[in-house]
């Protein structure tokens, strides 16, 4: 058990990632208090230097799942997310979105090339958790923030907690994400609940802001529908400058020429000539029996504008998502 002092006899082995001992005999010779944990961040432990070490991490609880007698916590610090596994039959109250300090053994995840692919914490008990700031009992009681504010500079704590936004659903990607828009801006939402939505649904969303491929997104989000109403007015897409990052995640309308034959695998899409740019239109909910436009057809489209970025997050192209 944790705190036991042991003598281990065995054979050294290079292991799949770091050297290990294949034990042939383990003898308990006493007990003691656990050592003072080494304070670490995900950036530090992701190098592998803390493998098998007793560490302390400060993090926000972004998700929890109870499986049999093990509690799996999805934790996030300023560098990314990781999992902590704790033997427990039930989860403590108000742990979701809590700021915690947690003690555990760092366990590196690796592949057959001896490359680290992630880390987990193995914790002895719920006593390994110290709640620094409890999570809100009702996340939907948080104040509503304008979507545009999520990408604007403001004072942030070192650990990102949940924020609440509201808006109208403009597009829904089954099993993946949806887009919402308020009076000034739009955002892509990656929910933890895959419940279907439809354009026009008015929703409140609580989630964790972060960088997407271009601009901000909300991840690990929860939502509820508060009503249904008209879609936001679509903005006209200028043919002389169709690549406009200011339109990212907003509803747009345009007229374009179909520049290629429709694609149906792995998704339904077709290429568009808009001014001097080639873009793609993706149909998010195919299968309604409508005929796809042929090459050379001129079409009028209304959908959600999505900027496509390069590896420096600079806008290089765009696509239109047709709900």
C-alpha atoms as a PDB file:
ATOM      1  CA  UNK A   1       0.000   0.000   0.000  1.00  0.00           C
ATOM      2  CA  UNK A   2       1.163   3.627  -0.386  1.00  0.00           C
ATOM      3  CA  UNK A   3       3.784   4.394   2.266  1.00  0.00           C
ATOM      4  CA  UNK A   4       5.169   0.855   2.521  1.00  0.00           C
ATOM      5  CA  UNK A   5       8.962   0.603   2.465  1.00  0.00           C
ATOM      6  CA  UNK A   6       9.995  -2.358   0.340  1.00  0.00           C
ATOM      7  CA  UNK A   7      13.034  -4.292  -0.763  1.00  0.00           C
ATOM      8  CA  UNK A   8      12.820  -5.417  -4.380  1.00  0.00           C
ATOM      9  CA  UNK A   9      14.822  -8.223  -5.937  1.00  0.00           C
ATOM     10  CA  UNK A  10      14.647  -8.742  -9.650  1.00  0.00           C
ATOM     11  CA  UNK A  11      16.211  -8.350 -13.049  1.00  0.00           C
ATOM     12  CA  UNK A  12      16.933  -5.103 -14.840  1.00  0.00           C
ATOM     13  CA  UNK A  13      15.163  -4.621 -18.163  1.00  0.00           C
ATOM     14  CA  UNK A  14      15.421  -1.777 -20.689  1.00  0.00           C
ATOM     15  CA  UNK A  15      11.620  -1.550 -20.778  1.00  0.00           C
ATOM     16  CA  UNK A  16       9.597  -0.104 -23.632  1.00  0.00           C
ATOM     17  CA  UNK A  17      10.356   3.488 -22.677  1.00  0.00           C
ATOM     18  CA  UNK A  18      12.614   3.680 -19.602  1.00  0.00           C
ATOM     19  CA  UNK A  19      14.525   0.991 -17.675  1.00  0.00           C
ATOM     20  CA  UNK A  20      12.438  -1.156 -15.316  1.00  0.00           C
ATOM     21  CA  UNK A  21      12.926  -3.939 -12.779  1.00  0.00           C
ATOM     22  CA  UNK A  22      11.141  -7.214 -13.374  1.00  0.00           C
ATOM     23  CA  UNK A  23      10.565  -8.181  -9.734  1.00  0.00           C
ATOM     24  CA  UNK A  24      11.057 -11.731  -8.504  1.00  0.00           C
ATOM     25  CA  UNK A  25      10.658 -10.890  -4.810  1.00  0.00           C
ATOM     26  CA  UNK A  26       9.137  -7.927  -2.940  1.00  0.00           C
ATOM     27  CA  UNK A  27       9.535  -7.666   0.836  1.00  0.00           C
ATOM     28  CA  UNK A  28       7.786  -5.078   3.013  1.00  0.00           C
ATOM     29  CA  UNK A  29      10.306  -3.913   5.631  1.00  0.00           C
ATOM     30  CA  UNK A  30       8.421  -0.979   7.141  1.00  0.00           C
ATOM     31  CA  UNK A  31       6.274   2.043   6.427  1.00  0.00           C
ATOM     32  CA  UNK A  32       6.754   5.787   6.274  1.00  0.00           C
ATOM     33  CA  UNK A  33       5.088   8.966   5.114  1.00  0.00           C
ATOM     34  CA  UNK A  34       4.976   9.637   1.408  1.00  0.00           C
ATOM     35  CA  UNK A  35       7.783  11.859   0.098  1.00  0.00           C
ATOM     36  CA  UNK A  36       7.237  15.521  -0.713  1.00  0.00           C
ATOM     37  CA  UNK A  37       6.019  15.555  -4.321  1.00  0.00           C
ATOM     38  CA  UNK A  38       7.937  17.325  -7.043  1.00  0.00           C
ATOM     39  CA  UNK A  39       5.916  20.238  -8.451  1.00  0.00           C
ATOM     40  CA  UNK A  40       5.525  19.804 -12.200  1.00  0.00           C
ATOM     41  CA  UNK A  41       3.589  21.046 -15.220  1.00  0.00           C
ATOM     42  CA  UNK A  42       2.371  19.035 -18.187  1.00  0.00           C
ATOM     43  CA  UNK A  43       5.180  20.570 -20.265  1.00  0.00           C
ATOM     44  CA  UNK A  44       7.745  19.175 -17.840  1.00  0.00           C
ATOM     45  CA  UNK A  45       6.270  15.694 -17.441  1.00  0.00           C
ATOM     46  CA  UNK A  46       5.634  15.361 -21.203  1.00  0.00           C
ATOM     47  CA  UNK A  47       9.404  15.144 -21.726  1.00  0.00           C
ATOM     48  CA  UNK A  48       9.488  11.831 -19.851  1.00  0.00           C
ATOM     49  CA  UNK A  49      11.832  13.182 -17.180  1.00  0.00           C
ATOM     50  CA  UNK A  50       9.230  12.615 -14.463  1.00  0.00           C
ATOM     51  CA  UNK A  51       8.340   9.049 -15.407  1.00  0.00           C
ATOM     52  CA  UNK A  52       7.552   6.959 -12.294  1.00  0.00           C
ATOM     53  CA  UNK A  53       8.154  10.000 -10.066  1.00  0.00           C
ATOM     54  CA  UNK A  54       5.858  11.233  -7.290  1.00  0.00           C
ATOM     55  CA  UNK A  55       4.651  14.638  -8.530  1.00  0.00           C
ATOM     56  CA  UNK A  56       2.196  17.409  -7.713  1.00  0.00           C
ATOM     57  CA  UNK A  57       0.262  19.123 -10.485  1.00  0.00           C
ATOM     58  CA  UNK A  58      -2.078  22.123 -10.325  1.00  0.00           C
ATOM     59  CA  UNK A  59      -4.930  21.784 -12.799  1.00  0.00           C
ATOM     60  CA  UNK A  60      -8.584  22.380 -13.629  1.00  0.00           C
ATOM     61  CA  UNK A  61     -10.958  19.398 -13.729  1.00  0.00           C
ATOM     62  CA  UNK A  62     -12.415  19.430 -17.256  1.00  0.00           C
ATOM     63  CA  UNK A  63     -14.166  16.088 -17.145  1.00  0.00           C
ATOM     64  CA  UNK A  64     -14.761  13.041 -14.967  1.00  0.00           C
ATOM     65  CA  UNK A  65     -15.899   9.509 -15.613  1.00  0.00           C
ATOM     66  CA  UNK A  66     -16.625   6.753 -13.124  1.00  0.00           C
ATOM     67  CA  UNK A  67     -15.778   3.251 -14.365  1.00  0.00           C
ATOM     68  CA  UNK A  68     -16.277   0.450 -11.864  1.00  0.00           C
ATOM     69  CA  UNK A  69     -14.160   1.455  -8.856  1.00  0.00           C
ATOM     70  CA  UNK A  70     -11.923   3.928 -10.695  1.00  0.00           C
ATOM     71  CA  UNK A  71     -12.482   7.653 -11.142  1.00  0.00           C
ATOM     72  CA  UNK A  72     -10.923   9.072 -14.313  1.00  0.00           C
ATOM     73  CA  UNK A  73     -10.316  12.817 -14.218  1.00  0.00           C
ATOM     74  CA  UNK A  74      -9.605  14.849 -17.335  1.00  0.00           C
ATOM     75  CA  UNK A  75      -7.299  17.607 -16.123  1.00  0.00           C
ATOM     76  CA  UNK A  76      -5.949  20.721 -17.809  1.00  0.00           C
ATOM     77  CA  UNK A  77      -3.124  23.074 -16.950  1.00  0.00           C
ATOM     78  CA  UNK A  78      -1.662  25.911 -19.023  1.00  0.00           C
ATOM     79  CA  UNK A  79       0.170  23.419 -21.277  1.00  0.00           C
ATOM     80  CA  UNK A  80      -2.579  20.939 -22.177  1.00  0.00           C
ATOM     81  CA  UNK A  81      -4.735  18.097 -20.895  1.00  0.00           C
ATOM     82  CA  UNK A  82      -4.020  14.733 -19.256  1.00  0.00           C
ATOM     83  CA  UNK A  83      -5.785  11.994 -17.274  1.00  0.00           C
ATOM     84  CA  UNK A  84      -5.568  11.103 -13.577  1.00  0.00           C
ATOM     85  CA  UNK A  85      -6.798   7.696 -12.399  1.00  0.00           C
ATOM     86  CA  UNK A  86      -7.943   7.319  -8.795  1.00  0.00           C
ATOM     87  CA  UNK A  87      -9.452   4.310  -6.980  1.00  0.00           C
ATOM     88  CA  UNK A  88     -12.856   5.578  -5.817  1.00  0.00           C
ATOM     89  CA  UNK A  89     -16.451   4.412  -5.851  1.00  0.00           C
ATOM     90  CA  UNK A  90     -17.929   7.924  -6.139  1.00  0.00           C
ATOM     91  CA  UNK A  91     -16.734  11.366  -7.205  1.00  0.00           C
ATOM     92  CA  UNK A  92     -16.572  14.262  -4.732  1.00  0.00           C
ATOM     93  CA  UNK A  93     -19.219  16.960  -5.144  1.00  0.00           C
ATOM     94  CA  UNK A  94     -18.533  20.072  -7.228  1.00  0.00           C
ATOM     95  CA  UNK A  95     -15.303  18.658  -8.621  1.00  0.00           C
ATOM     96  CA  UNK A  96     -16.145  19.599 -12.220  1.00  0.00           C
ATOM     97  CA  UNK A  97     -14.320  22.832 -13.186  1.00  0.00           C
ATOM     98  CA  UNK A  98     -12.608  22.914  -9.776  1.00  0.00           C
ATOM     99  CA  UNK A  99      -9.029  24.099  -9.456  1.00  0.00           C
ATOM    100  CA  UNK A 100      -7.114  21.357  -7.672  1.00  0.00           C
ATOM    101  CA  UNK A 101      -3.678  20.256  -6.607  1.00  0.00           C
ATOM    102  CA  UNK A 102      -3.220  16.550  -7.128  1.00  0.00           C
ATOM    103  CA  UNK A 103      -0.465  14.123  -6.101  1.00  0.00           C
ATOM    104  CA  UNK A 104       0.338  11.003  -8.055  1.00  0.00           C
ATOM    105  CA  UNK A 105       2.871   8.886  -9.863  1.00  0.00           C
ATOM    106  CA  UNK A 106       3.624  10.093 -13.382  1.00  0.00           C
ATOM    107  CA  UNK A 107       3.047   7.278 -15.859  1.00  0.00           C
ATOM    108  CA  UNK A 108       4.343   7.863 -19.384  1.00  0.00           C
ATOM    109  CA  UNK A 109       2.360   6.590 -22.367  1.00  0.00           C
ATOM    110  CA  UNK A 110       4.512   5.486 -25.290  1.00  0.00           C
ATOM    111  CA  UNK A 111       4.558   3.657 -28.605  1.00  0.00           C
ATOM    112  CA  UNK A 112       6.689   0.808 -29.949  1.00  0.00           C
ATOM    113  CA  UNK A 113       9.310   3.322 -31.153  1.00  0.00           C
ATOM    114  CA  UNK A 114      10.040   4.297 -27.526  1.00  0.00           C
ATOM    115  CA  UNK A 115       8.410   7.674 -28.146  1.00  0.00           C
ATOM    116  CA  UNK A 116       6.315   9.347 -25.468  1.00  0.00           C
ATOM    117  CA  UNK A 117       2.720   9.912 -26.610  1.00  0.00           C
ATOM    118  CA  UNK A 118       1.159  11.239 -23.411  1.00  0.00           C
ATOM    119  CA  UNK A 119       1.115  10.968 -19.651  1.00  0.00           C
ATOM    120  CA  UNK A 120      -1.284   9.898 -16.932  1.00  0.00           C
ATOM    121  CA  UNK A 121      -1.218  10.265 -13.162  1.00  0.00           C
ATOM    122  CA  UNK A 122      -1.798   7.222 -10.987  1.00  0.00           C
ATOM    123  CA  UNK A 123      -3.110   8.402  -7.612  1.00  0.00           C
ATOM    124  CA  UNK A 124      -3.522   6.254  -4.477  1.00  0.00           C
ATOM    125  CA  UNK A 125      -6.810   7.708  -3.196  1.00  0.00           C
ATOM    126  CA  UNK A 126      -9.120  10.722  -3.166  1.00  0.00           C
ATOM    127  CA  UNK A 127      -6.871  12.102  -0.406  1.00  0.00           C
ATOM    128  CA  UNK A 128      -4.452  12.872  -3.244  1.00  0.00           C
ATOM    129  CA  UNK A 129      -6.747  15.741  -4.292  1.00  0.00           C
ATOM    130  CA  UNK A 130      -6.740  19.141  -2.632  1.00  0.00           C
ATOM    131  CA  UNK A 131      -9.499  21.428  -3.899  1.00  0.00           C
ATOM    132  CA  UNK A 132      -8.163  24.979  -4.208  1.00  0.00           C
ATOM    133  CA  UNK A 133     -11.310  26.434  -5.767  1.00  0.00           C
ATOM    134  CA  UNK A 134     -14.537  24.450  -6.002  1.00  0.00           C
ATOM    135  CA  UNK A 135     -16.451  24.235  -9.260  1.00  0.00           C
ATOM    136  CA  UNK A 136     -19.769  26.022  -9.670  1.00  0.00           C
ATOM    137  CA  UNK A 137     -22.832  24.037  -8.615  1.00  0.00           C
ATOM    138  CA  UNK A 138     -24.713  25.341 -11.664  1.00  0.00           C
ATOM    139  CA  UNK A 139     -22.418  26.239 -14.585  1.00  0.00           C
ATOM    140  CA  UNK A 140     -25.296  27.925 -16.410  1.00  0.00           C
ATOM    141  CA  UNK A 141     -25.439  30.500 -13.608  1.00  0.00           C
ATOM    142  CA  UNK A 142     -22.131  31.938 -14.860  1.00  0.00           C
ATOM    143  CA  UNK A 143     -22.409  35.397 -16.472  1.00  0.00           C
ATOM    144  CA  UNK A 144     -22.814  35.456 -20.249  1.00  0.00           C
ATOM    145  CA  UNK A 145     -19.808  36.745 -22.169  1.00  0.00           C
ATOM    146  CA  UNK A 146     -19.908  38.070 -25.736  1.00  0.00           C
ATOM    147  CA  UNK A 147     -18.325  35.559 -28.110  1.00  0.00           C
ATOM    148  CA  UNK A 148     -16.018  38.235 -29.488  1.00  0.00           C
ATOM    149  CA  UNK A 149     -14.519  38.770 -26.014  1.00  0.00           C
ATOM    150  CA  UNK A 150     -13.061  35.242 -25.941  1.00  0.00           C
ATOM    151  CA  UNK A 151     -10.426  36.289 -28.495  1.00  0.00           C
ATOM    152  CA  UNK A 152      -9.743  39.708 -27.040  1.00  0.00           C
ATOM    153  CA  UNK A 153      -6.953  40.490 -24.566  1.00  0.00           C
ATOM    154  CA  UNK A 154      -7.941  40.529 -20.913  1.00  0.00           C
ATOM    155  CA  UNK A 155      -6.537  39.429 -17.585  1.00  0.00           C
ATOM    156  CA  UNK A 156      -6.460  35.635 -17.313  1.00  0.00           C
ATOM    157  CA  UNK A 157      -5.610  33.330 -14.473  1.00  0.00           C
ATOM    158  CA  UNK A 158      -2.876  30.777 -15.096  1.00  0.00           C
ATOM    159  CA  UNK A 159      -5.533  28.036 -15.301  1.00  0.00           C
ATOM    160  CA  UNK A 160      -8.430  28.481 -17.725  1.00  0.00           C
ATOM    161  CA  UNK A 161     -11.863  27.848 -16.234  1.00  0.00           C
ATOM    162  CA  UNK A 162     -15.178  27.590 -18.037  1.00  0.00           C
ATOM    163  CA  UNK A 163     -16.946  30.544 -19.614  1.00  0.00           C
ATOM    164  CA  UNK A 164     -20.534  30.937 -20.738  1.00  0.00           C
ATOM    165  CA  UNK A 165     -21.761  32.277 -24.070  1.00  0.00           C
ATOM    166  CA  UNK A 166     -25.136  32.244 -25.792  1.00  0.00           C
ATOM    167  CA  UNK A 167     -26.278  32.436 -29.377  1.00  0.00           C
ATOM    168  CA  UNK A 168     -28.105  30.819 -32.248  1.00  0.00           C
ATOM    169  CA  UNK A 169     -26.986  27.530 -33.784  1.00  0.00           C
ATOM    170  CA  UNK A 170     -26.000  28.160 -37.410  1.00  0.00           C
ATOM    171  CA  UNK A 171     -24.593  24.721 -38.311  1.00  0.00           C
ATOM    172  CA  UNK A 172     -24.337  21.269 -36.756  1.00  0.00           C
ATOM    173  CA  UNK A 173     -21.738  18.597 -37.571  1.00  0.00           C
ATOM    174  CA  UNK A 174     -23.128  15.263 -36.283  1.00  0.00           C
ATOM    175  CA  UNK A 175     -20.932  13.672 -33.652  1.00  0.00           C
ATOM    176  CA  UNK A 176     -18.337  16.447 -33.794  1.00  0.00           C
ATOM    177  CA  UNK A 177     -19.243  20.096 -33.232  1.00  0.00           C
ATOM    178  CA  UNK A 178     -21.651  22.920 -33.882  1.00  0.00           C
ATOM    179  CA  UNK A 179     -21.422  26.638 -34.620  1.00  0.00           C
ATOM    180  CA  UNK A 180     -23.238  29.431 -32.837  1.00  0.00           C
ATOM    181  CA  UNK A 181     -23.447  33.158 -33.503  1.00  0.00           C
ATOM    182  CA  UNK A 182     -24.471  36.095 -31.328  1.00  0.00           C
ATOM    183  CA  UNK A 183     -24.878  39.727 -32.373  1.00  0.00           C
ATOM    184  CA  UNK A 184     -21.172  40.284 -33.118  1.00  0.00           C
ATOM    185  CA  UNK A 185     -19.306  37.037 -33.661  1.00  0.00           C
ATOM    186  CA  UNK A 186     -19.488  33.266 -34.018  1.00  0.00           C
ATOM    187  CA  UNK A 187     -17.604  30.295 -32.584  1.00  0.00           C
ATOM    188  CA  UNK A 188     -17.202  26.550 -33.104  1.00  0.00           C
ATOM    189  CA  UNK A 189     -18.205  24.426 -30.107  1.00  0.00           C
ATOM    190  CA  UNK A 190     -16.940  20.914 -29.352  1.00  0.00           C
ATOM    191  CA  UNK A 191     -19.435  19.479 -26.834  1.00  0.00           C
ATOM    192  CA  UNK A 192     -18.986  16.580 -24.460  1.00  0.00           C
ATOM    193  CA  UNK A 193     -22.642  15.688 -25.148  1.00  0.00           C
ATOM    194  CA  UNK A 194     -23.334  14.720 -28.779  1.00  0.00           C
ATOM    195  CA  UNK A 195     -27.058  15.533 -28.613  1.00  0.00           C
ATOM    196  CA  UNK A 196     -28.316  16.674 -31.997  1.00  0.00           C
ATOM    197  CA  UNK A 197     -29.094  20.329 -32.624  1.00  0.00           C
ATOM    198  CA  UNK A 198     -30.591  22.139 -35.589  1.00  0.00           C
ATOM    199  CA  UNK A 199     -30.019  25.575 -37.106  1.00  0.00           C
ATOM    200  CA  UNK A 200     -32.125  28.161 -35.337  1.00  0.00           C
ATOM    201  CA  UNK A 201     -31.836  26.565 -31.906  1.00  0.00           C
ATOM    202  CA  UNK A 202     -30.992  29.184 -29.306  1.00  0.00           C
ATOM    203  CA  UNK A 203     -28.525  27.814 -26.781  1.00  0.00           C
ATOM    204  CA  UNK A 204     -26.499  28.649 -23.724  1.00  0.00           C
ATOM    205  CA  UNK A 205     -23.045  27.073 -23.852  1.00  0.00           C
ATOM    206  CA  UNK A 206     -20.470  26.616 -21.089  1.00  0.00           C
ATOM    207  CA  UNK A 207     -17.018  25.452 -22.118  1.00  0.00           C
ATOM    208  CA  UNK A 208     -13.281  25.994 -22.154  1.00  0.00           C
ATOM    209  CA  UNK A 209     -11.936  28.527 -24.665  1.00  0.00           C
ATOM    210  CA  UNK A 210      -8.833  27.577 -26.590  1.00  0.00           C
ATOM    211  CA  UNK A 211      -7.154  27.975 -29.945  1.00  0.00           C
ATOM    212  CA  UNK A 212      -8.568  26.095 -32.898  1.00  0.00           C
ATOM    213  CA  UNK A 213      -6.989  25.796 -36.323  1.00  0.00           C
ATOM    214  CA  UNK A 214      -7.881  29.476 -36.745  1.00  0.00           C
ATOM    215  CA  UNK A 215      -9.312  31.610 -33.952  1.00  0.00           C
ATOM    216  CA  UNK A 216     -10.963  30.531 -30.721  1.00  0.00           C
ATOM    217  CA  UNK A 217     -13.110  27.463 -30.094  1.00  0.00           C
ATOM    218  CA  UNK A 218     -14.937  26.089 -27.051  1.00  0.00           C
ATOM    219  CA  UNK A 219     -14.019  22.563 -25.945  1.00  0.00           C
ATOM    220  CA  UNK A 220     -15.476  20.089 -23.421  1.00  0.00           C
ATOM    221  CA  UNK A 221     -18.635  22.165 -23.582  1.00  0.00           C
ATOM    222  CA  UNK A 222     -22.090  21.570 -22.119  1.00  0.00           C
ATOM    223  CA  UNK A 223     -25.178  23.310 -23.435  1.00  0.00           C
ATOM    224  CA  UNK A 224     -28.927  23.579 -23.169  1.00  0.00           C
ATOM    225  CA  UNK A 225     -31.505  24.787 -25.645  1.00  0.00           C
ATOM    226  CA  UNK A 226     -33.475  27.831 -24.509  1.00  0.00           C
ATOM    227  CA  UNK A 227     -35.653  28.279 -27.584  1.00  0.00           C
ATOM    228  CA  UNK A 228     -35.722  28.481 -31.363  1.00  0.00           C
ATOM    229  CA  UNK A 229     -35.742  31.503 -33.611  1.00  0.00           C
ATOM    230  CA  UNK A 230     -34.636  33.021 -36.903  1.00  0.00           C
ATOM    231  CA  UNK A 231     -31.071  32.586 -38.077  1.00  0.00           C
ATOM    232  CA  UNK A 232     -28.747  35.606 -37.960  1.00  0.00           C
ATOM    233  CA  UNK A 233     -28.718  37.677 -41.142  1.00  0.00           C
ATOM    234  CA  UNK A 234     -26.059  36.396 -43.533  1.00  0.00           C
ATOM    235  CA  UNK A 235     -23.245  38.724 -44.567  1.00  0.00           C
ATOM    236  CA  UNK A 236     -22.518  39.117 -48.277  1.00  0.00           C
ATOM    237  CA  UNK A 237     -19.227  37.634 -49.423  1.00  0.00           C
ATOM    238  CA  UNK A 238     -17.244  40.086 -51.577  1.00  0.00           C
ATOM    239  CA  UNK A 239     -16.209  38.421 -54.849  1.00  0.00           C
ATOM    240  CA  UNK A 240     -13.158  40.662 -55.268  1.00  0.00           C
ATOM    241  CA  UNK A 241     -11.766  39.608 -51.841  1.00  0.00           C
ATOM    242  CA  UNK A 242     -13.544  36.399 -50.795  1.00  0.00           C
ATOM    243  CA  UNK A 243     -10.805  35.395 -48.332  1.00  0.00           C
ATOM    244  CA  UNK A 244     -11.871  37.517 -45.358  1.00  0.00           C
ATOM    245  CA  UNK A 245     -10.744  36.297 -41.899  1.00  0.00           C
ATOM    246  CA  UNK A 246     -13.219  38.705 -40.269  1.00  0.00           C
ATOM    247  CA  UNK A 247     -16.014  36.410 -41.457  1.00  0.00           C
ATOM    248  CA  UNK A 248     -14.708  33.310 -39.675  1.00  0.00           C
ATOM    249  CA  UNK A 249     -17.588  31.348 -38.076  1.00  0.00           C
ATOM    250  CA  UNK A 250     -20.231  33.784 -39.375  1.00  0.00           C
ATOM    251  CA  UNK A 251     -23.158  33.126 -41.728  1.00  0.00           C
ATOM    252  CA  UNK A 252     -22.453  34.328 -45.247  1.00  0.00           C
ATOM    253  CA  UNK A 253     -24.201  34.312 -48.592  1.00  0.00           C
ATOM    254  CA  UNK A 254     -22.650  34.338 -52.039  1.00  0.00           C
ATOM    255  CA  UNK A 255     -23.093  33.410 -55.676  1.00  0.00           C
ATOM    256  CA  UNK A 256     -20.467  31.108 -57.149  1.00  0.00           C
ATOM    257  CA  UNK A 257     -19.692  28.792 -60.049  1.00  0.00           C
ATOM    258  CA  UNK A 258     -19.266  25.092 -59.338  1.00  0.00           C
ATOM    259  CA  UNK A 259     -15.647  24.396 -60.298  1.00  0.00           C
ATOM    260  CA  UNK A 260     -15.521  20.605 -59.987  1.00  0.00           C
ATOM    261  CA  UNK A 261     -17.549  17.446 -59.884  1.00  0.00           C
ATOM    262  CA  UNK A 262     -19.241  16.760 -56.526  1.00  0.00           C
ATOM    263  CA  UNK A 263     -17.442  14.563 -53.991  1.00  0.00           C
ATOM    264  CA  UNK A 264     -19.327  12.083 -51.824  1.00  0.00           C
ATOM    265  CA  UNK A 265     -16.507  10.261 -50.034  1.00  0.00           C
ATOM    266  CA  UNK A 266     -15.774  10.707 -47.199  1.00  0.00           C
ATOM    267  CA  UNK A 267     -18.217  13.629 -47.157  1.00  0.00           C
ATOM    268  CA  UNK A 268     -20.458  15.477 -49.575  1.00  0.00           C
ATOM    269  CA  UNK A 269     -18.679  18.520 -50.982  1.00  0.00           C
ATOM    270  CA  UNK A 270     -18.010  20.455 -54.178  1.00  0.00           C
ATOM    271  CA  UNK A 271     -15.516  23.100 -55.298  1.00  0.00           C
ATOM    272  CA  UNK A 272     -16.509  26.698 -55.932  1.00  0.00           C
ATOM    273  CA  UNK A 273     -15.014  29.512 -57.998  1.00  0.00           C
ATOM    274  CA  UNK A 274     -15.624  32.767 -56.109  1.00  0.00           C
ATOM    275  CA  UNK A 275     -13.824  35.685 -57.728  1.00  0.00           C
ATOM    276  CA  UNK A 276     -10.188  34.651 -58.060  1.00  0.00           C
ATOM    277  CA  UNK A 277     -10.385  32.018 -55.318  1.00  0.00           C
ATOM    278  CA  UNK A 278     -11.251  28.325 -55.286  1.00  0.00           C
ATOM    279  CA  UNK A 279     -13.075  27.238 -52.141  1.00  0.00           C
ATOM    280  CA  UNK A 280     -15.020  24.190 -51.044  1.00  0.00           C
ATOM    281  CA  UNK A 281     -18.632  23.898 -49.957  1.00  0.00           C
ATOM    282  CA  UNK A 282     -19.284  21.065 -47.494  1.00  0.00           C
ATOM    283  CA  UNK A 283     -22.768  19.705 -46.896  1.00  0.00           C
ATOM    284  CA  UNK A 284     -22.999  18.789 -43.210  1.00  0.00           C
ATOM    285  CA  UNK A 285     -26.284  16.880 -43.297  1.00  0.00           C
ATOM    286  CA  UNK A 286     -26.333  14.948 -46.604  1.00  0.00           C
ATOM    287  CA  UNK A 287     -28.835  12.342 -47.644  1.00  0.00           C
ATOM    288  CA  UNK A 288     -31.966  14.429 -48.192  1.00  0.00           C
ATOM    289  CA  UNK A 289     -32.197  13.314 -51.831  1.00  0.00           C
ATOM    290  CA  UNK A 290     -31.342  16.671 -53.414  1.00  0.00           C
ATOM    291  CA  UNK A 291     -29.316  16.584 -56.613  1.00  0.00           C
ATOM    292  CA  UNK A 292     -25.847  18.055 -56.295  1.00  0.00           C
ATOM    293  CA  UNK A 293     -24.966  20.867 -58.708  1.00  0.00           C
ATOM    294  CA  UNK A 294     -22.895  19.947 -61.743  1.00  0.00           C
ATOM    295  CA  UNK A 295     -19.601  21.476 -62.811  1.00  0.00           C
ATOM    296  CA  UNK A 296     -20.221  24.877 -64.420  1.00  0.00           C
ATOM    297  CA  UNK A 297     -23.492  25.510 -62.558  1.00  0.00           C
ATOM    298  CA  UNK A 298     -23.980  28.912 -60.935  1.00  0.00           C
ATOM    299  CA  UNK A 299     -25.360  28.545 -57.415  1.00  0.00           C
ATOM    300  CA  UNK A 300     -26.447  30.796 -54.581  1.00  0.00           C
ATOM    301  CA  UNK A 301     -25.208  29.585 -51.198  1.00  0.00           C
ATOM    302  CA  UNK A 302     -25.858  30.472 -47.590  1.00  0.00           C
ATOM    303  CA  UNK A 303     -23.740  28.836 -44.916  1.00  0.00           C
ATOM    304  CA  UNK A 304     -21.100  29.249 -42.225  1.00  0.00           C
ATOM    305  CA  UNK A 305     -17.748  30.678 -43.338  1.00  0.00           C
ATOM    306  CA  UNK A 306     -14.745  28.760 -41.983  1.00  0.00           C
ATOM    307  CA  UNK A 307     -11.182  29.994 -42.437  1.00  0.00           C
ATOM    308  CA  UNK A 308      -8.568  27.350 -43.266  1.00  0.00           C
ATOM    309  CA  UNK A 309      -5.139  28.155 -41.861  1.00  0.00           C
ATOM    310  CA  UNK A 310      -1.563  27.016 -42.442  1.00  0.00           C
ATOM    311  CA  UNK A 311       0.795  25.709 -39.760  1.00  0.00           C
ATOM    312  CA  UNK A 312       1.477  29.286 -38.580  1.00  0.00           C
ATOM    313  CA  UNK A 313      -2.295  29.864 -38.127  1.00  0.00           C
ATOM    314  CA  UNK A 314      -2.310  32.348 -41.017  1.00  0.00           C
ATOM    315  CA  UNK A 315      -5.451  32.347 -43.176  1.00  0.00           C
ATOM    316  CA  UNK A 316      -4.733  30.609 -46.498  1.00  0.00           C
ATOM    317  CA  UNK A 317      -8.188  29.620 -47.762  1.00  0.00           C
ATOM    318  CA  UNK A 318     -11.760  29.084 -46.634  1.00  0.00           C
ATOM    319  CA  UNK A 319     -14.729  26.800 -46.976  1.00  0.00           C
ATOM    320  CA  UNK A 320     -18.466  27.255 -46.590  1.00  0.00           C
ATOM    321  CA  UNK A 321     -20.373  24.827 -44.389  1.00  0.00           C
ATOM    322  CA  UNK A 322     -23.883  24.205 -45.647  1.00  0.00           C
ATOM    323  CA  UNK A 323     -26.196  23.091 -42.863  1.00  0.00           C
END
